[in-house]
Amino acid sequence: MAWRQAELRALANLQAIIRRETEKAQLRRALLVMLYAHAEGFCKIAFLTYVNAVNRAALTCTIASEAW
């Protein structure tokens, strides 16, 4: 998590320093892609953790239910 935040912070800092709008736009696109990749990675880990926990519980479909 720390290295992901460091990458995003570095790109954001670079974007703040650059004066030319075309270069800023390039860095913004890179920052957006990086942010999406990090969010996707987090979601994948979170869902895999959830699926593993459900599988370890070894519940049958008749026992399992939504709990809101």
Protein backbone atom coordinates (compact mmCIF):
# COMPACT_ATOMS: atom_id res chain seq x y z
CA MET A 1 0.00 0.00 0.00
CA ALA A 2 2.81 2.41 0.87
CA TRP A 3 4.55 2.01 -2.49
CA ARG A 4 1.27 2.55 -4.30
CA GLN A 5 0.66 5.77 -2.41
CA ALA A 6 4.26 6.86 -3.09
CA GLU A 7 3.78 6.30 -6.84
CA LEU A 8 0.57 8.32 -6.90
CA ARG A 9 2.12 11.09 -4.80
CA ALA A 10 5.19 11.28 -7.08
CA LEU A 11 3.03 11.63 -10.19
CA ALA A 12 0.83 14.24 -8.51
CA ASN A 13 3.91 16.21 -7.40
CA LEU A 14 5.36 16.11 -10.91
CA GLN A 15 2.06 17.29 -12.33
CA ALA A 16 2.06 20.25 -9.92
CA ILE A 17 5.59 21.31 -10.94
CA ILE A 18 5.11 21.17 -14.72
CA ARG A 19 4.01 24.40 -16.35
CA ARG A 20 3.09 23.32 -19.89
CA GLU A 21 -0.54 22.29 -20.09
CA THR A 22 0.12 19.51 -22.62
CA GLU A 23 2.62 17.85 -20.28
CA LYS A 24 0.25 18.30 -17.33
CA ALA A 25 -2.48 16.57 -19.32
CA GLN A 26 -0.14 13.66 -20.08
CA LEU A 27 0.70 13.24 -16.40
CA ARG A 28 -2.98 13.50 -15.42
CA ARG A 29 -3.78 10.64 -17.80
CA ALA A 30 -0.92 8.59 -16.37
CA LEU A 31 -2.12 9.37 -12.85
CA LEU A 32 -5.66 8.32 -13.73
CA VAL A 33 -4.47 5.03 -15.23
CA MET A 34 -2.25 4.37 -12.19
CA LEU A 35 -5.11 5.16 -9.82
CA TYR A 36 -7.41 2.78 -11.69
CA ALA A 37 -4.77 0.02 -11.62
CA HIS A 38 -4.30 0.41 -7.87
CA ALA A 39 -8.07 0.40 -7.24
CA GLU A 40 -8.45 -2.69 -9.43
CA GLY A 41 -5.67 -4.46 -7.51
CA PHE A 42 -7.28 -3.61 -4.19
CA CYS A 43 -10.68 -4.88 -5.34
CA LYS A 44 -9.15 -8.12 -6.57
CA ILE A 45 -7.42 -8.75 -3.24
CA ALA A 46 -10.55 -7.80 -1.26
CA PHE A 47 -12.82 -10.10 -3.29
CA LEU A 48 -10.35 -13.00 -3.14
CA THR A 49 -10.11 -12.59 0.63
CA TYR A 50 -13.91 -12.61 0.88
CA VAL A 51 -14.27 -15.67 -1.37
CA ASN A 52 -11.63 -17.56 0.60
CA ALA A 53 -13.38 -16.74 3.89
CA VAL A 54 -16.73 -17.92 2.52
CA ASN A 55 -15.17 -21.10 1.17
CA ARG A 56 -13.39 -21.82 4.49
CA ALA A 57 -16.74 -21.51 6.27
CA ALA A 58 -17.94 -24.44 4.11
CA LEU A 59 -21.55 -23.29 4.14
CA THR A 60 -24.13 -24.94 1.94
CA CYS A 61 -26.43 -22.75 -0.11
CA THR A 62 -29.40 -23.62 2.10
CA ILE A 63 -27.54 -22.45 5.23
CA ALA A 64 -26.06 -19.30 3.73
CA SER A 65 -28.23 -16.19 3.58
CA GLU A 66 -27.89 -12.48 3.13
CA ALA A 67 -27.47 -10.66 6.41
CA TRP A 68 -28.17 -6.93 6.17
